[in-house]
Amino acid sequence: MIKKPASLLLAVVLAAFALPTVAQAPAAGAGSSSYTGGAATPPASAATAAAPGASGLTVAPPQSPSPAAAAGPGAAVPSPQAPNAQAPTVANTRPDPALGEQKYTAVCAACHGAGGNSGTPANPKLSQQHPEYIVKQLQEFKSGKRPNPIMQGFAAQLTEQDMKNISAYLGTQKAKPGFAKDKELVSLGEKIYRGGLQNRQLPACAGCHSPNGAGIPAQYARLSGQHADYTASQLVAFREGIRKNSPQMSQIASKLNDREIRAVADYIAGLR
């Protein structure tokens, strides 16, 4: 057996005791822990530094949960969008006869009489007239398509809803009957109204305005019982090109002379 020197044995023993001391030494840079209610708070540098994994690859520190992650029981729930402070206003397009009566009384009754039963021969009766026809005439007075300085001034005061309301009110009013006055012309007026004048290709008035003058809603005006003076003035206006808001009536009126116009107007006044 070879004897080893005592100095070599001493070096081996000292090396054996030194190895565990190195393995158990704390990691470099680890500072003292601060007390926060019992939990040790790692220093800021340690929280963000990447730690080496078992394979030697760098492992990124865990990420904090993103706002899009599922909310826990205590998470705040976003409040729904607050409703508008005021709901949008919806225009009232449905005719209101009660409001129409109020507006008619204030603006129209002085000339067209209570309930649309005008007592003035120059001013038309409006009672029981088709609402669509009245709305159309008021719109055209206002725009100037049917020229009349007096009516344009009054129509300018009315909104579209006013026109609908007034027309709805007048459509519910009972018209008072009129009378034919010229016995010599009434037979001619009846002939033209009911049969037209074939030799001049003049159609019968009854074809559009009906045999009793009731007209056709939304298409042709009601004529029954209308003042003869007013009807005659409108036929002349159509014939002379003063009133241009109905090409059909302009064409028809152009084929009538003054006597025929008076005859038709008088006959219409007595229709019931």
C-alpha atoms as a PDB file:
ATOM      1  CA  MET A   1       0.000   0.000   0.000  1.00  0.00           C
ATOM      2  CA  ILE A   2       1.191   3.430  -0.929  1.00  0.00           C
ATOM      3  CA  LYS A   3       0.971   5.945   1.869  1.00  0.00           C
ATOM      4  CA  LYS A   4      -0.337   9.396   0.956  1.00  0.00           C
ATOM      5  CA  PRO A   5       1.141  12.449   2.520  1.00  0.00           C
ATOM      6  CA  ALA A   6      -0.822  13.960   5.384  1.00  0.00           C
ATOM      7  CA  SER A   7      -1.095  17.316   3.564  1.00  0.00           C
ATOM      8  CA  LEU A   8      -2.891  15.673   0.614  1.00  0.00           C
ATOM      9  CA  LEU A   9      -5.462  13.993   2.866  1.00  0.00           C
ATOM     10  CA  LEU A  10      -6.165  17.264   4.602  1.00  0.00           C
ATOM     11  CA  ALA A  11      -6.840  19.005   1.245  1.00  0.00           C
ATOM     12  CA  VAL A  12      -9.317  16.304   0.188  1.00  0.00           C
ATOM     13  CA  VAL A  13     -11.261  16.554   3.446  1.00  0.00           C
ATOM     14  CA  LEU A  14     -11.473  20.339   3.228  1.00  0.00           C
ATOM     15  CA  ALA A  15     -12.745  20.143  -0.400  1.00  0.00           C
ATOM     16  CA  ALA A  16     -15.517  17.706   0.582  1.00  0.00           C
ATOM     17  CA  PHE A  17     -16.850  20.068   3.247  1.00  0.00           C
ATOM     18  CA  ALA A  18     -16.658  23.128   0.904  1.00  0.00           C
ATOM     19  CA  LEU A  19     -18.978  21.713  -1.869  1.00  0.00           C
ATOM     20  CA  PRO A  20     -22.269  21.669   0.154  1.00  0.00           C
ATOM     21  CA  THR A  21     -21.545  25.185   1.342  1.00  0.00           C
ATOM     22  CA  VAL A  22     -21.497  26.488  -2.268  1.00  0.00           C
ATOM     23  CA  ALA A  23     -24.713  24.641  -3.273  1.00  0.00           C
ATOM     24  CA  GLN A  24     -26.681  26.054  -0.358  1.00  0.00           C
ATOM     25  CA  ALA A  25     -25.516  29.624  -0.805  1.00  0.00           C
ATOM     26  CA  PRO A  26     -28.324  32.066  -1.604  1.00  0.00           C
ATOM     27  CA  ALA A  27     -28.707  33.293  -5.182  1.00  0.00           C
ATOM     28  CA  ALA A  28     -26.718  36.336  -6.039  1.00  0.00           C
ATOM     29  CA  GLY A  29     -28.671  39.587  -5.784  1.00  0.00           C
ATOM     30  CA  ALA A  30     -31.300  38.277  -3.393  1.00  0.00           C
ATOM     31  CA  GLY A  31     -31.908  41.002  -0.884  1.00  0.00           C
ATOM     32  CA  SER A  32     -33.687  41.007   2.407  1.00  0.00           C
ATOM     33  CA  SER A  33     -37.492  40.526   2.364  1.00  0.00           C
ATOM     34  CA  SER A  34     -39.832  43.381   3.314  1.00  0.00           C
ATOM     35  CA  TYR A  35     -42.803  42.576   5.538  1.00  0.00           C
ATOM     36  CA  THR A  36     -46.253  43.266   4.089  1.00  0.00           C
ATOM     37  CA  GLY A  37     -48.578  41.516   6.440  1.00  0.00           C
ATOM     38  CA  GLY A  38     -46.765  38.201   6.497  1.00  0.00           C
ATOM     39  CA  ALA A  39     -45.899  37.799   2.794  1.00  0.00           C
ATOM     40  CA  ALA A  40     -42.457  38.354   1.427  1.00  0.00           C
ATOM     41  CA  THR A  41     -42.406  40.877  -1.415  1.00  0.00           C
ATOM     42  CA  PRO A  42     -39.752  40.104  -4.027  1.00  0.00           C
ATOM     43  CA  PRO A  43     -37.776  43.007  -5.310  1.00  0.00           C
ATOM     44  CA  ALA A  44     -38.989  44.647  -8.489  1.00  0.00           C
ATOM     45  CA  SER A  45     -36.091  43.362 -10.549  1.00  0.00           C
ATOM     46  CA  ALA A  46     -36.889  39.768  -9.653  1.00  0.00           C
ATOM     47  CA  ALA A  47     -40.548  40.135 -10.666  1.00  0.00           C
ATOM     48  CA  THR A  48     -39.704  41.146 -14.196  1.00  0.00           C
ATOM     49  CA  ALA A  49     -36.556  39.144 -14.839  1.00  0.00           C
ATOM     50  CA  ALA A  50     -36.819  35.947 -16.841  1.00  0.00           C
ATOM     51  CA  ALA A  51     -36.014  32.776 -14.866  1.00  0.00           C
ATOM     52  CA  PRO A  52     -33.995  29.941 -16.387  1.00  0.00           C
ATOM     53  CA  GLY A  53     -36.017  26.809 -16.957  1.00  0.00           C
ATOM     54  CA  ALA A  54     -34.987  23.207 -16.468  1.00  0.00           C
ATOM     55  CA  SER A  55     -34.002  22.885 -20.144  1.00  0.00           C
ATOM     56  CA  GLY A  56     -31.868  25.962 -20.039  1.00  0.00           C
ATOM     57  CA  LEU A  57     -34.403  28.054 -22.149  1.00  0.00           C
ATOM     58  CA  THR A  58     -35.544  31.372 -20.829  1.00  0.00           C
ATOM     59  CA  VAL A  59     -39.111  31.262 -19.548  1.00  0.00           C
ATOM     60  CA  ALA A  60     -41.086  34.512 -19.671  1.00  0.00           C
ATOM     61  CA  PRO A  61     -42.708  35.599 -16.438  1.00  0.00           C
ATOM     62  CA  PRO A  62     -46.496  35.028 -16.253  1.00  0.00           C
ATOM     63  CA  GLN A  63     -48.596  37.795 -17.796  1.00  0.00           C
ATOM     64  CA  SER A  64     -51.250  39.636 -15.823  1.00  0.00           C
ATOM     65  CA  PRO A  65     -54.806  38.792 -16.943  1.00  0.00           C
ATOM     66  CA  SER A  66     -55.980  40.932 -19.902  1.00  0.00           C
ATOM     67  CA  PRO A  67     -59.137  43.042 -19.630  1.00  0.00           C
ATOM     68  CA  ALA A  68     -60.810  40.732 -22.145  1.00  0.00           C
ATOM     69  CA  ALA A  69     -60.496  37.720 -19.815  1.00  0.00           C
ATOM     70  CA  ALA A  70     -63.637  36.317 -18.272  1.00  0.00           C
ATOM     71  CA  ALA A  71     -64.766  38.458 -15.383  1.00  0.00           C
ATOM     72  CA  GLY A  72     -64.800  36.917 -11.957  1.00  0.00           C
ATOM     73  CA  PRO A  73     -67.503  37.262  -9.362  1.00  0.00           C
ATOM     74  CA  GLY A  74     -66.098  40.527  -8.099  1.00  0.00           C
ATOM     75  CA  ALA A  75     -65.293  42.033 -11.486  1.00  0.00           C
ATOM     76  CA  ALA A  76     -66.965  45.270 -12.497  1.00  0.00           C
ATOM     77  CA  VAL A  77     -69.673  44.888 -15.141  1.00  0.00           C
ATOM     78  CA  PRO A  78     -69.718  47.666 -17.762  1.00  0.00           C
ATOM     79  CA  SER A  79     -72.886  49.706 -17.610  1.00  0.00           C
ATOM     80  CA  PRO A  80     -75.177  49.621 -20.659  1.00  0.00           C
ATOM     81  CA  GLN A  81     -75.317  52.639 -22.914  1.00  0.00           C
ATOM     82  CA  ALA A  82     -77.429  55.287 -21.336  1.00  0.00           C
ATOM     83  CA  PRO A  83     -80.667  55.983 -23.239  1.00  0.00           C
ATOM     84  CA  ASN A  84     -81.206  59.378 -24.808  1.00  0.00           C
ATOM     85  CA  ALA A  85     -82.547  61.966 -22.444  1.00  0.00           C
ATOM     86  CA  GLN A  86     -85.402  62.687 -24.846  1.00  0.00           C
ATOM     87  CA  ALA A  87     -87.060  60.297 -27.264  1.00  0.00           C
ATOM     88  CA  PRO A  88     -87.103  61.440 -30.891  1.00  0.00           C
ATOM     89  CA  THR A  89     -90.244  63.306 -31.847  1.00  0.00           C
ATOM     90  CA  VAL A  90     -92.443  61.519 -34.354  1.00  0.00           C
ATOM     91  CA  ALA A  91     -94.399  63.782 -36.622  1.00  0.00           C
ATOM     92  CA  ASN A  92     -98.140  63.391 -36.319  1.00  0.00           C
ATOM     93  CA  THR A  93     -99.374  62.594 -39.846  1.00  0.00           C
ATOM     94  CA  ARG A  94    -102.828  61.364 -38.909  1.00  0.00           C
ATOM     95  CA  PRO A  95    -105.542  63.979 -39.569  1.00  0.00           C
ATOM     96  CA  ASP A  96    -107.240  65.362 -36.461  1.00  0.00           C
ATOM     97  CA  PRO A  97    -110.715  66.777 -37.255  1.00  0.00           C
ATOM     98  CA  ALA A  98    -110.964  68.427 -33.814  1.00  0.00           C
ATOM     99  CA  LEU A  99    -107.799  70.426 -34.399  1.00  0.00           C
ATOM    100  CA  GLY A 100    -109.015  71.048 -37.928  1.00  0.00           C
ATOM    101  CA  GLU A 101    -112.179  72.635 -36.649  1.00  0.00           C
ATOM    102  CA  GLN A 102    -110.197  74.975 -34.410  1.00  0.00           C
ATOM    103  CA  LYS A 103    -107.927  76.072 -37.254  1.00  0.00           C
ATOM    104  CA  TYR A 104    -110.802  76.360 -39.722  1.00  0.00           C
ATOM    105  CA  THR A 105    -112.787  78.554 -37.338  1.00  0.00           C
ATOM    106  CA  ALA A 106    -109.814  80.843 -36.829  1.00  0.00           C
ATOM    107  CA  VAL A 107    -108.652  81.119 -40.443  1.00  0.00           C
ATOM    108  CA  CYS A 108    -111.366  80.044 -42.909  1.00  0.00           C
ATOM    109  CA  ALA A 109    -114.871  80.421 -41.464  1.00  0.00           C
ATOM    110  CA  ALA A 110    -115.168  84.166 -42.063  1.00  0.00           C
ATOM    111  CA  CYS A 111    -115.291  83.566 -45.825  1.00  0.00           C
ATOM    112  CA  HIS A 112    -116.460  79.961 -46.172  1.00  0.00           C
ATOM    113  CA  GLY A 113    -119.086  79.906 -43.428  1.00  0.00           C
ATOM    114  CA  ALA A 114    -119.668  77.707 -40.421  1.00  0.00           C
ATOM    115  CA  GLY A 115    -118.898  74.080 -41.181  1.00  0.00           C
ATOM    116  CA  GLY A 116    -117.892  75.016 -44.748  1.00  0.00           C
ATOM    117  CA  ASN A 117    -121.408  76.043 -45.810  1.00  0.00           C
ATOM    118  CA  SER A 118    -120.556  79.345 -47.458  1.00  0.00           C
ATOM    119  CA  GLY A 119    -123.385  81.841 -47.814  1.00  0.00           C
ATOM    120  CA  THR A 120    -121.447  84.018 -50.262  1.00  0.00           C
ATOM    121  CA  PRO A 121    -121.928  83.000 -53.935  1.00  0.00           C
ATOM    122  CA  ALA A 122    -118.374  83.982 -54.850  1.00  0.00           C
ATOM    123  CA  ASN A 123    -116.854  81.794 -52.126  1.00  0.00           C
ATOM    124  CA  PRO A 124    -117.145  78.015 -52.563  1.00  0.00           C
ATOM    125  CA  LYS A 125    -118.933  75.669 -50.228  1.00  0.00           C
ATOM    126  CA  LEU A 126    -116.390  73.327 -48.674  1.00  0.00           C
ATOM    127  CA  SER A 127    -118.566  71.126 -46.502  1.00  0.00           C
ATOM    128  CA  GLN A 128    -118.567  67.416 -47.362  1.00  0.00           C
ATOM    129  CA  GLN A 129    -115.773  67.951 -49.889  1.00  0.00           C
ATOM    130  CA  HIS A 130    -113.268  65.139 -50.336  1.00  0.00           C
ATOM    131  CA  PRO A 131    -110.332  65.778 -47.962  1.00  0.00           C
ATOM    132  CA  GLU A 132    -107.711  64.836 -50.552  1.00  0.00           C
ATOM    133  CA  TYR A 133    -109.078  67.452 -52.951  1.00  0.00           C
ATOM    134  CA  ILE A 134    -108.988  70.226 -50.352  1.00  0.00           C
ATOM    135  CA  VAL A 135    -105.430  69.348 -49.316  1.00  0.00           C
ATOM    136  CA  LYS A 136    -104.314  69.495 -52.943  1.00  0.00           C
ATOM    137  CA  GLN A 137    -105.924  72.909 -53.509  1.00  0.00           C
ATOM    138  CA  LEU A 138    -104.453  74.373 -50.316  1.00  0.00           C
ATOM    139  CA  GLN A 139    -100.995  73.096 -51.247  1.00  0.00           C
ATOM    140  CA  GLU A 140    -101.293  74.670 -54.683  1.00  0.00           C
ATOM    141  CA  PHE A 141    -102.596  77.969 -53.326  1.00  0.00           C
ATOM    142  CA  LYS A 142     -99.604  78.070 -50.989  1.00  0.00           C
ATOM    143  CA  SER A 143     -97.078  77.228 -53.706  1.00  0.00           C
ATOM    144  CA  GLY A 144     -98.650  79.589 -56.234  1.00  0.00           C
ATOM    145  CA  LYS A 145     -99.531  76.817 -58.673  1.00  0.00           C
ATOM    146  CA  ARG A 146    -103.153  77.935 -58.321  1.00  0.00           C
ATOM    147  CA  PRO A 147    -102.811  81.732 -58.303  1.00  0.00           C
ATOM    148  CA  ASN A 148    -105.076  83.635 -55.948  1.00  0.00           C
ATOM    149  CA  PRO A 149    -103.537  86.401 -53.823  1.00  0.00           C
ATOM    150  CA  ILE A 150    -106.165  86.125 -51.068  1.00  0.00           C
ATOM    151  CA  MET A 151    -106.046  82.358 -50.741  1.00  0.00           C
ATOM    152  CA  GLN A 152    -102.267  82.276 -51.033  1.00  0.00           C
ATOM    153  CA  GLY A 153    -102.023  84.567 -48.020  1.00  0.00           C
ATOM    154  CA  PHE A 154    -104.254  82.340 -45.914  1.00  0.00           C
ATOM    155  CA  ALA A 155    -102.684  79.076 -47.105  1.00  0.00           C
ATOM    156  CA  ALA A 156     -99.244  80.434 -46.228  1.00  0.00           C
ATOM    157  CA  GLN A 157    -100.285  80.340 -42.564  1.00  0.00           C
ATOM    158  CA  LEU A 158    -100.997  76.607 -42.699  1.00  0.00           C
ATOM    159  CA  THR A 159     -98.645  73.681 -42.204  1.00  0.00           C
ATOM    160  CA  GLU A 160     -99.140  70.402 -44.032  1.00  0.00           C
ATOM    161  CA  GLN A 161    -100.683  68.977 -40.879  1.00  0.00           C
ATOM    162  CA  ASP A 162    -103.058  71.952 -40.601  1.00  0.00           C
ATOM    163  CA  MET A 163    -104.233  71.293 -44.146  1.00  0.00           C
ATOM    164  CA  LYS A 164    -104.906  67.650 -43.407  1.00  0.00           C
ATOM    165  CA  ASN A 165    -106.740  68.486 -40.195  1.00  0.00           C
ATOM    166  CA  ILE A 166    -108.928  71.142 -41.816  1.00  0.00           C
ATOM    167  CA  SER A 167    -109.744  68.870 -44.752  1.00  0.00           C
ATOM    168  CA  ALA A 168    -110.656  66.004 -42.440  1.00  0.00           C
ATOM    169  CA  TYR A 169    -112.963  68.296 -40.478  1.00  0.00           C
ATOM    170  CA  LEU A 170    -114.720  69.651 -43.594  1.00  0.00           C
ATOM    171  CA  GLY A 171    -115.201  66.142 -44.935  1.00  0.00           C
ATOM    172  CA  THR A 172    -117.378  65.341 -41.912  1.00  0.00           C
ATOM    173  CA  GLN A 173    -119.639  68.412 -42.275  1.00  0.00           C
ATOM    174  CA  LYS A 174    -123.054  68.028 -43.890  1.00  0.00           C
ATOM    175  CA  ALA A 175    -123.493  70.200 -46.972  1.00  0.00           C
ATOM    176  CA  LYS A 176    -126.619  72.295 -47.306  1.00  0.00           C
ATOM    177  CA  PRO A 177    -128.454  71.771 -50.609  1.00  0.00           C
ATOM    178  CA  GLY A 178    -128.409  74.396 -53.349  1.00  0.00           C
ATOM    179  CA  PHE A 179    -130.888  75.339 -56.042  1.00  0.00           C
ATOM    180  CA  ALA A 180    -130.884  75.980 -59.795  1.00  0.00           C
ATOM    181  CA  LYS A 181    -132.220  79.447 -60.593  1.00  0.00           C
ATOM    182  CA  ASP A 182    -132.314  79.840 -64.391  1.00  0.00           C
ATOM    183  CA  LYS A 183    -135.166  77.748 -65.796  1.00  0.00           C
ATOM    184  CA  GLU A 184    -134.262  78.616 -69.389  1.00  0.00           C
ATOM    185  CA  LEU A 185    -130.736  77.284 -69.056  1.00  0.00           C
ATOM    186  CA  VAL A 186    -131.196  74.361 -66.699  1.00  0.00           C
ATOM    187  CA  SER A 187    -132.185  71.932 -69.464  1.00  0.00           C
ATOM    188  CA  LEU A 188    -129.055  72.820 -71.477  1.00  0.00           C
ATOM    189  CA  GLY A 189    -126.947  72.451 -68.383  1.00  0.00           C
ATOM    190  CA  GLU A 190    -128.400  69.007 -67.704  1.00  0.00           C
ATOM    191  CA  LYS A 191    -127.705  67.922 -71.286  1.00  0.00           C
ATOM    192  CA  ILE A 192    -124.047  68.948 -71.074  1.00  0.00           C
ATOM    193  CA  TYR A 193    -123.514  67.598 -67.570  1.00  0.00           C
ATOM    194  CA  ARG A 194    -125.041  64.198 -68.270  1.00  0.00           C
ATOM    195  CA  GLY A 195    -124.218  63.627 -71.923  1.00  0.00           C
ATOM    196  CA  GLY A 196    -121.601  66.158 -73.021  1.00  0.00           C
ATOM    197  CA  LEU A 197    -121.543  67.605 -76.530  1.00  0.00           C
ATOM    198  CA  GLN A 198    -120.624  64.933 -79.028  1.00  0.00           C
ATOM    199  CA  ASN A 199    -120.233  67.322 -81.968  1.00  0.00           C
ATOM    200  CA  ARG A 200    -117.399  69.070 -80.077  1.00  0.00           C
ATOM    201  CA  GLN A 201    -115.992  65.962 -78.430  1.00  0.00           C
ATOM    202  CA  LEU A 202    -116.924  67.346 -75.029  1.00  0.00           C
ATOM    203  CA  PRO A 203    -117.233  64.573 -72.428  1.00  0.00           C
ATOM    204  CA  ALA A 204    -120.063  64.440 -69.934  1.00  0.00           C
ATOM    205  CA  CYS A 205    -119.266  66.021 -66.545  1.00  0.00           C
ATOM    206  CA  ALA A 206    -120.990  63.089 -64.859  1.00  0.00           C
ATOM    207  CA  GLY A 207    -118.284  60.742 -66.127  1.00  0.00           C
ATOM    208  CA  CYS A 208    -115.821  62.148 -63.551  1.00  0.00           C
ATOM    209  CA  HIS A 209    -117.976  64.004 -61.050  1.00  0.00           C
ATOM    210  CA  SER A 210    -120.734  61.313 -60.937  1.00  0.00           C
ATOM    211  CA  PRO A 211    -124.400  61.760 -61.938  1.00  0.00           C
ATOM    212  CA  ASN A 212    -125.372  63.350 -58.612  1.00  0.00           C
ATOM    213  CA  GLY A 213    -122.269  65.513 -58.341  1.00  0.00           C
ATOM    214  CA  ALA A 214    -120.699  63.494 -55.514  1.00  0.00           C
ATOM    215  CA  GLY A 215    -117.378  63.196 -57.343  1.00  0.00           C
ATOM    216  CA  ILE A 216    -114.824  60.466 -56.718  1.00  0.00           C
ATOM    217  CA  PRO A 217    -112.732  60.586 -53.524  1.00  0.00           C
ATOM    218  CA  ALA A 218    -109.049  61.423 -54.060  1.00  0.00           C
ATOM    219  CA  GLN A 219    -109.665  62.011 -57.776  1.00  0.00           C
ATOM    220  CA  TYR A 220    -112.492  64.397 -58.653  1.00  0.00           C
ATOM    221  CA  ALA A 221    -114.138  67.137 -56.633  1.00  0.00           C
ATOM    222  CA  ARG A 222    -117.607  67.013 -55.209  1.00  0.00           C
ATOM    223  CA  LEU A 223    -119.775  69.553 -57.095  1.00  0.00           C
ATOM    224  CA  SER A 224    -123.284  68.904 -55.792  1.00  0.00           C
ATOM    225  CA  GLY A 225    -124.988  72.092 -54.538  1.00  0.00           C
ATOM    226  CA  GLN A 226    -122.021  74.366 -55.282  1.00  0.00           C
ATOM    227  CA  HIS A 227    -122.735  78.059 -55.851  1.00  0.00           C
ATOM    228  CA  ALA A 228    -123.365  78.682 -59.564  1.00  0.00           C
ATOM    229  CA  ASP A 229    -121.363  81.914 -59.484  1.00  0.00           C
ATOM    230  CA  TYR A 230    -118.296  80.167 -58.111  1.00  0.00           C
ATOM    231  CA  THR A 231    -118.519  77.210 -60.553  1.00  0.00           C
ATOM    232  CA  ALA A 232    -118.899  79.549 -63.512  1.00  0.00           C
ATOM    233  CA  SER A 233    -115.923  81.665 -62.430  1.00  0.00           C
ATOM    234  CA  GLN A 234    -113.689  78.583 -62.208  1.00  0.00           C
ATOM    235  CA  LEU A 235    -114.739  77.264 -65.627  1.00  0.00           C
ATOM    236  CA  VAL A 236    -113.899  80.657 -67.123  1.00  0.00           C
ATOM    237  CA  ALA A 237    -110.553  80.681 -65.298  1.00  0.00           C
ATOM    238  CA  PHE A 238    -109.754  77.237 -66.719  1.00  0.00           C
ATOM    239  CA  ARG A 239    -110.801  78.322 -70.199  1.00  0.00           C
ATOM    240  CA  GLU A 240    -108.784  81.554 -70.132  1.00  0.00           C
ATOM    241  CA  GLY A 241    -105.648  79.907 -68.754  1.00  0.00           C
ATOM    242  CA  ILE A 242    -105.835  81.750 -65.429  1.00  0.00           C
ATOM    243  CA  ARG A 243    -106.246  78.553 -63.471  1.00  0.00           C
ATOM    244  CA  LYS A 244    -103.733  75.961 -64.662  1.00  0.00           C
ATOM    245  CA  ASN A 245    -103.655  73.302 -61.958  1.00  0.00           C
ATOM    246  CA  SER A 246    -105.768  70.832 -63.972  1.00  0.00           C
ATOM    247  CA  PRO A 247    -104.847  70.349 -67.657  1.00  0.00           C
ATOM    248  CA  GLN A 248    -107.877  68.100 -68.097  1.00  0.00           C
ATOM    249  CA  MET A 249    -110.273  70.804 -66.940  1.00  0.00           C
ATOM    250  CA  SER A 250    -108.491  73.438 -69.026  1.00  0.00           C
ATOM    251  CA  GLN A 251    -109.058  71.318 -72.126  1.00  0.00           C
ATOM    252  CA  ILE A 252    -112.732  70.720 -71.328  1.00  0.00           C
ATOM    253  CA  ALA A 253    -113.501  74.338 -70.446  1.00  0.00           C
ATOM    254  CA  SER A 254    -111.893  75.553 -73.653  1.00  0.00           C
ATOM    255  CA  LYS A 255    -114.814  73.974 -75.568  1.00  0.00           C
ATOM    256  CA  LEU A 256    -117.539  75.823 -73.645  1.00  0.00           C
ATOM    257  CA  ASN A 257    -118.948  79.241 -74.424  1.00  0.00           C
ATOM    258  CA  ASP A 258    -120.245  81.660 -71.789  1.00  0.00           C
ATOM    259  CA  ARG A 259    -123.848  80.542 -72.104  1.00  0.00           C
ATOM    260  CA  GLU A 260    -122.960  76.873 -71.759  1.00  0.00           C
ATOM    261  CA  ILE A 261    -120.800  77.616 -68.737  1.00  0.00           C
ATOM    262  CA  ARG A 262    -123.679  79.428 -67.026  1.00  0.00           C
ATOM    263  CA  ALA A 263    -126.048  76.559 -67.876  1.00  0.00           C
ATOM    264  CA  VAL A 264    -123.761  73.854 -66.463  1.00  0.00           C
ATOM    265  CA  ALA A 265    -122.988  75.901 -63.340  1.00  0.00           C
ATOM    266  CA  ASP A 266    -126.683  76.486 -62.642  1.00  0.00           C
ATOM    267  CA  TYR A 267    -127.519  72.819 -63.095  1.00  0.00           C
ATOM    268  CA  ILE A 268    -124.732  71.777 -60.719  1.00  0.00           C
ATOM    269  CA  ALA A 269    -126.089  74.128 -58.041  1.00  0.00           C
ATOM    270  CA  GLY A 270    -129.329  72.115 -57.940  1.00  0.00           C
ATOM    271  CA  LEU A 271    -127.699  68.664 -57.866  1.00  0.00           C
ATOM    272  CA  ARG A 272    -128.398  66.530 -54.783  1.00  0.00           C
END
